[in-house]
Amino acid sequence: MPRGRRLFTRDQAEAALLSAGIDILTESGASYGVSRATLAAAIERSGVPRPSAYRVYNSERTGGPLGGFHEALAIELAKRVGEVESRAVVASAEAIVAEATQVADTATSLELAALLREAIRVGGAVVSRGVFQHEQGATYLTALAAAQHSRASEAVRAAFVASERELHQAYVLLYDRIMRVFGLRIGPGWTLDRLVAAVSDSSLGYSIAGDVVPGHEPFDLPTGENGEMQQWSTTAWTIWNMFSLAMEPDPRVSNAADISLLPAI
């Protein structure tokens, strides 16, 4: 063996190759699937010897080493996207609840609604940064493209189902907490599960239509206290509009946010 060459166990080799593949996707801003990260490029970046890499991913079921690498990379993306966004959701929830709790007893219904809108604007940006610009993650669209690729395996689809379930539950808990703090309830024809699904589907649709990729610039809306322009992410704008449709003041609460008092955006 040449002097100075690093030895890899099988698990170490796979971890290094997957890490290299995700770094490649993150840097390239790929939003069209895992094929942007080749096994050759991952080998070069990770330092894993080519024979070792081929032994890790050499499977007839996946069509050889490259197919095996792409399958494993898609599964790893599913896991990381779920973890990254769930953490971002929890962080945004804590920020929203902390600010609202301080003023809930004295603020008017209009002030509470404005506070909720601002909290969603800021929190949505946090989530967007967590998913689209996380240093160890690739974009949600990259992951989605990998999962829905015509040749995606059952293992890939199962990983994405688990990731989506994790994210869905995180959002259900977030929205339930927001409703309790701001005195809101789900309106007729809606459920929390339906609201979460609608937000997810709408965000994804707008992202695809707008060709959203890492580093995508937010857009401006006149939502400042005096009508000044503020930056909104697609995620935040979608959540706010879905909240406007699905939520209403809870009549059992003496001081509740009334979203209808704010102009539509």
Protein backbone atom coordinates (compact mmCIF):
# COMPACT_ATOMS: atom_id res chain seq x y z
CA MET A 1 0.00 0.00 0.00
CA PRO A 2 1.36 3.46 -0.91
CA ARG A 3 2.71 5.39 2.01
CA GLY A 4 0.33 7.87 3.62
CA ARG A 5 -2.86 6.46 2.06
CA ARG A 6 -5.75 6.40 4.53
CA LEU A 7 -7.42 3.11 5.36
CA PHE A 8 -11.24 3.02 5.35
CA THR A 9 -13.59 0.46 6.82
CA ARG A 10 -16.68 -0.17 4.71
CA ASP A 11 -18.84 2.06 6.94
CA GLN A 12 -16.23 4.82 6.94
CA ALA A 13 -15.92 4.67 3.17
CA GLU A 14 -19.69 4.96 2.67
CA ALA A 15 -19.98 7.83 5.17
CA ALA A 16 -17.14 9.73 3.47
CA LEU A 17 -18.61 9.21 0.00
CA LEU A 18 -22.10 10.31 1.05
CA SER A 19 -20.73 13.38 2.81
CA ALA A 20 -18.76 14.27 -0.31
CA GLY A 21 -21.83 13.76 -2.51
CA ILE A 22 -23.99 16.04 -0.38
CA ASP A 23 -21.28 18.69 -0.35
CA ILE A 24 -21.15 18.55 -4.14
CA LEU A 25 -24.91 18.99 -4.44
CA THR A 26 -24.96 21.82 -1.92
CA GLU A 27 -22.17 23.72 -3.67
CA SER A 28 -23.62 23.26 -7.14
CA GLY A 29 -27.12 24.36 -6.10
CA ALA A 30 -28.53 21.27 -7.73
CA SER A 31 -32.32 21.13 -7.77
CA TYR A 32 -32.90 18.34 -10.27
CA GLY A 33 -31.83 15.18 -8.52
CA VAL A 34 -28.77 13.40 -7.26
CA SER A 35 -27.27 12.75 -10.69
CA ARG A 36 -25.33 16.03 -10.39
CA ALA A 37 -23.07 14.26 -7.89
CA THR A 38 -21.08 11.56 -9.65
CA LEU A 39 -19.36 8.72 -7.84
CA ALA A 40 -16.07 9.69 -9.49
CA ALA A 41 -16.31 13.21 -8.04
CA ALA A 42 -17.20 11.84 -4.59
CA ILE A 43 -14.22 9.47 -4.73
CA GLU A 44 -11.87 12.32 -5.60
CA ARG A 45 -13.21 14.58 -2.86
CA SER A 46 -13.43 11.96 -0.12
CA GLY A 47 -10.13 10.24 -0.71
CA VAL A 48 -11.78 6.80 -0.67
CA PRO A 49 -9.89 4.45 -3.00
CA ARG A 50 -11.83 3.64 -6.16
CA PRO A 51 -11.84 -0.15 -5.54
CA SER A 52 -13.26 0.41 -2.04
CA ALA A 53 -15.98 2.71 -3.39
CA TYR A 54 -16.95 0.20 -6.04
CA ARG A 55 -17.18 -2.57 -3.45
CA VAL A 56 -19.50 -0.45 -1.30
CA TYR A 57 -21.98 0.27 -4.11
CA ASN A 58 -21.54 -2.57 -6.56
CA SER A 59 -25.06 -3.99 -6.82
CA GLU A 60 -26.83 -5.52 -9.79
CA ARG A 61 -30.15 -4.32 -8.41
CA THR A 62 -29.12 -0.67 -8.74
CA GLY A 63 -27.34 -1.14 -12.06
CA GLY A 64 -23.82 -0.97 -10.68
CA PRO A 65 -21.75 1.36 -8.47
CA LEU A 66 -23.14 4.66 -9.77
CA GLY A 67 -26.75 3.58 -9.32
CA GLY A 68 -25.99 2.27 -5.85
CA PHE A 69 -24.28 5.51 -4.88
CA HIS A 70 -27.20 7.62 -6.12
CA GLU A 71 -29.71 5.46 -4.25
CA ALA A 72 -27.73 5.74 -1.01
CA LEU A 73 -27.31 9.49 -1.54
CA ALA A 74 -31.05 9.98 -2.05
CA ILE A 75 -31.80 8.09 1.16
CA GLU A 76 -29.24 10.15 3.09
CA LEU A 77 -30.78 13.34 1.69
CA ALA A 78 -34.20 12.28 2.91
CA LYS A 79 -32.88 11.78 6.43
CA ARG A 80 -30.96 15.05 6.52
CA VAL A 81 -33.74 17.19 5.07
CA GLY A 82 -36.15 15.89 7.71
CA GLU A 83 -33.70 16.55 10.52
CA VAL A 84 -32.67 20.01 9.29
CA GLU A 85 -36.17 21.33 8.67
CA SER A 86 -37.56 19.88 11.89
CA ARG A 87 -34.87 21.73 13.85
CA ALA A 88 -35.66 24.93 11.95
CA VAL A 89 -39.39 24.52 12.67
CA VAL A 90 -38.74 24.11 16.39
CA ALA A 91 -36.49 27.20 16.41
CA SER A 92 -39.11 29.33 14.65
CA ALA A 93 -41.84 28.09 17.01
CA GLU A 94 -39.86 29.09 20.08
CA ALA A 95 -39.26 32.58 18.69
CA ILE A 96 -42.93 33.09 17.83
CA VAL A 97 -44.24 31.84 21.17
CA ALA A 98 -41.72 33.80 23.25
CA GLU A 99 -42.60 37.13 21.65
CA ALA A 100 -46.34 36.58 21.65
CA THR A 101 -46.45 35.50 25.29
CA GLN A 102 -44.97 38.83 26.38
CA VAL A 103 -47.71 40.96 24.82
CA ALA A 104 -50.72 38.64 24.54
CA ASP A 105 -52.56 40.10 27.56
CA THR A 106 -52.38 43.75 26.48
CA ALA A 107 -52.29 43.70 22.67
CA THR A 108 -55.38 44.30 20.53
CA SER A 109 -56.70 41.74 18.05
CA LEU A 110 -55.13 43.75 15.23
CA GLU A 111 -51.79 44.01 17.02
CA LEU A 112 -51.76 40.28 17.69
CA ALA A 113 -52.54 39.57 14.04
CA ALA A 114 -49.71 41.87 12.94
CA LEU A 115 -47.36 40.20 15.42
CA LEU A 116 -48.30 36.76 14.09
CA ARG A 117 -47.71 37.87 10.51
CA GLU A 118 -44.31 39.30 11.38
CA ALA A 119 -43.39 36.18 13.35
CA ILE A 120 -44.31 34.00 10.37
CA ARG A 121 -42.34 36.26 8.02
CA VAL A 122 -39.22 35.95 10.18
CA GLY A 123 -39.77 32.31 11.13
CA GLY A 124 -40.40 31.31 7.52
CA ALA A 125 -37.08 32.81 6.54
CA VAL A 126 -35.39 30.74 9.26
CA VAL A 127 -36.98 27.57 7.89
CA SER A 128 -36.02 28.49 4.32
CA ARG A 129 -32.41 29.09 5.33
CA GLY A 130 -32.38 25.81 7.22
CA VAL A 131 -33.59 23.81 4.23
CA PHE A 132 -32.16 25.65 1.24
CA GLN A 133 -28.83 26.87 2.61
CA HIS A 134 -27.83 24.46 5.38
CA GLU A 135 -24.13 23.76 5.17
CA GLN A 136 -24.59 19.98 5.36
CA GLY A 137 -27.83 19.66 3.43
CA ALA A 138 -28.97 19.92 -0.16
CA THR A 139 -32.24 21.52 -1.22
CA TYR A 140 -35.65 20.03 -0.68
CA LEU A 141 -36.16 20.13 -4.41
CA THR A 142 -33.04 18.08 -4.95
CA ALA A 143 -34.39 15.51 -2.54
CA LEU A 144 -37.84 15.56 -4.08
CA ALA A 145 -36.46 15.05 -7.54
CA ALA A 146 -34.45 12.11 -6.29
CA ALA A 147 -37.47 10.56 -4.58
CA GLN A 148 -39.80 10.98 -7.55
CA HIS A 149 -37.31 9.93 -10.20
CA SER A 150 -38.87 7.25 -12.36
CA ARG A 151 -36.20 4.76 -11.32
CA ALA A 152 -36.29 5.54 -7.61
CA SER A 153 -36.21 2.39 -5.51
CA GLU A 154 -38.60 1.33 -2.78
CA ALA A 155 -35.85 2.10 -0.26
CA VAL A 156 -35.66 5.70 -1.49
CA ARG A 157 -39.42 6.15 -1.43
CA ALA A 158 -39.62 4.66 2.07
CA ALA A 159 -36.95 7.08 3.31
CA PHE A 160 -38.87 10.04 1.95
CA VAL A 161 -42.15 8.85 3.41
CA ALA A 162 -40.47 8.67 6.84
CA SER A 163 -38.95 12.13 6.37
CA GLU A 164 -42.27 13.64 5.31
CA ARG A 165 -43.98 12.05 8.30
CA GLU A 166 -41.40 13.59 10.63
CA LEU A 167 -41.83 17.03 9.08
CA HIS A 168 -45.61 16.78 9.08
CA GLN A 169 -45.69 16.03 12.80
CA ALA A 170 -43.28 18.89 13.54
CA TYR A 171 -45.56 21.33 11.72
CA VAL A 172 -48.70 20.00 13.40
CA LEU A 173 -47.14 20.68 16.81
CA LEU A 174 -45.93 24.12 15.67
CA TYR A 175 -49.33 25.24 14.34
CA ASP A 176 -51.17 23.90 17.38
CA ARG A 177 -48.89 25.89 19.66
CA ILE A 178 -49.33 29.05 17.59
CA MET A 179 -53.11 28.70 17.69
CA ARG A 180 -53.15 28.40 21.47
CA VAL A 181 -50.86 31.40 21.99
CA PHE A 182 -52.71 33.67 19.55
CA GLY A 183 -56.23 32.53 20.46
CA LEU A 184 -57.03 30.94 17.12
CA ARG A 185 -58.87 27.83 16.01
CA ILE A 186 -59.21 25.88 12.79
CA GLY A 187 -62.10 27.16 10.67
CA PRO A 188 -64.92 25.14 9.08
CA GLY A 189 -63.78 22.58 6.52
CA TRP A 190 -60.21 22.49 7.80
CA THR A 191 -58.14 20.28 10.11
CA LEU A 192 -54.60 20.72 11.32
CA ASP A 193 -53.50 17.82 9.16
CA ARG A 194 -55.13 19.36 6.09
CA LEU A 195 -53.56 22.75 6.81
CA VAL A 196 -50.06 21.27 7.14
CA ALA A 197 -50.52 19.29 3.93
CA ALA A 198 -51.81 22.37 2.08
CA VAL A 199 -48.85 24.49 3.21
CA SER A 200 -46.37 21.80 2.17
CA ASP A 201 -47.99 21.24 -1.23
CA SER A 202 -48.32 24.96 -1.95
CA SER A 203 -44.75 25.78 -0.91
CA LEU A 204 -43.44 23.04 -3.13
CA GLY A 205 -45.58 24.12 -6.06
CA TYR A 206 -44.53 27.76 -5.82
CA SER A 207 -40.91 26.69 -5.43
CA ILE A 208 -40.99 24.57 -8.56
CA ALA A 209 -42.84 27.24 -10.55
CA GLY A 210 -40.36 29.88 -9.40
CA ASP A 211 -37.35 27.64 -9.90
CA VAL A 212 -36.32 28.12 -6.29
CA VAL A 213 -32.77 26.96 -5.59
CA PRO A 214 -30.28 27.60 -2.77
CA GLY A 215 -29.55 31.28 -2.51
CA HIS A 216 -32.85 32.30 -4.10
CA GLU A 217 -33.58 35.92 -3.26
CA PRO A 218 -36.74 36.72 -1.23
CA PHE A 219 -39.35 39.11 -2.61
CA ASP A 220 -40.66 42.39 -1.17
CA LEU A 221 -44.19 43.10 0.09
CA PRO A 222 -45.65 46.27 1.73
CA THR A 223 -46.21 44.66 5.13
CA GLY A 224 -44.26 47.01 7.41
CA GLU A 225 -45.95 48.84 10.26
CA ASN A 226 -46.40 51.90 8.02
CA GLY A 227 -46.68 50.05 4.74
CA GLU A 228 -42.95 49.92 4.08
CA MET A 229 -41.56 47.06 2.00
CA GLN A 230 -40.32 43.93 3.78
CA GLN A 231 -38.63 40.79 2.50
CA TRP A 232 -40.67 37.59 2.41
CA SER A 233 -39.60 34.04 1.65
CA THR A 234 -41.88 31.77 -0.36
CA THR A 235 -42.27 29.57 2.71
CA ALA A 236 -43.40 32.42 4.96
CA TRP A 237 -45.76 33.91 2.35
CA THR A 238 -47.39 30.51 1.80
CA ILE A 239 -47.83 29.81 5.52
CA TRP A 240 -49.38 33.22 6.11
CA ASN A 241 -51.89 32.92 3.29
CA MET A 242 -52.87 29.42 4.33
CA PHE A 243 -53.32 30.62 7.90
CA SER A 244 -55.58 33.39 6.59
CA LEU A 245 -57.76 30.81 4.88
CA ALA A 246 -57.83 28.13 7.55
CA MET A 247 -57.79 29.94 10.90
CA GLU A 248 -60.23 32.18 12.74
CA PRO A 249 -60.40 33.77 16.21
CA ASP A 250 -61.50 31.37 18.92
CA PRO A 251 -64.66 32.88 20.48
CA ARG A 252 -63.77 31.28 23.81
CA VAL A 253 -60.66 33.47 24.03
CA SER A 254 -61.09 37.05 25.22
CA ASN A 255 -58.17 38.44 23.27
CA ALA A 256 -57.45 36.67 19.99
CA ALA A 257 -55.59 37.60 16.84
CA ASP A 258 -57.97 38.52 14.01
CA ILE A 259 -56.16 37.88 10.74
CA SER A 260 -59.10 39.30 8.75
CA LEU A 261 -58.27 42.79 10.05
CA LEU A 262 -55.05 42.82 8.00
CA PRO A 263 -55.04 43.47 4.25
CA ALA A 264 -54.43 40.42 2.09
CA ILE A 265 -50.94 40.02 0.59
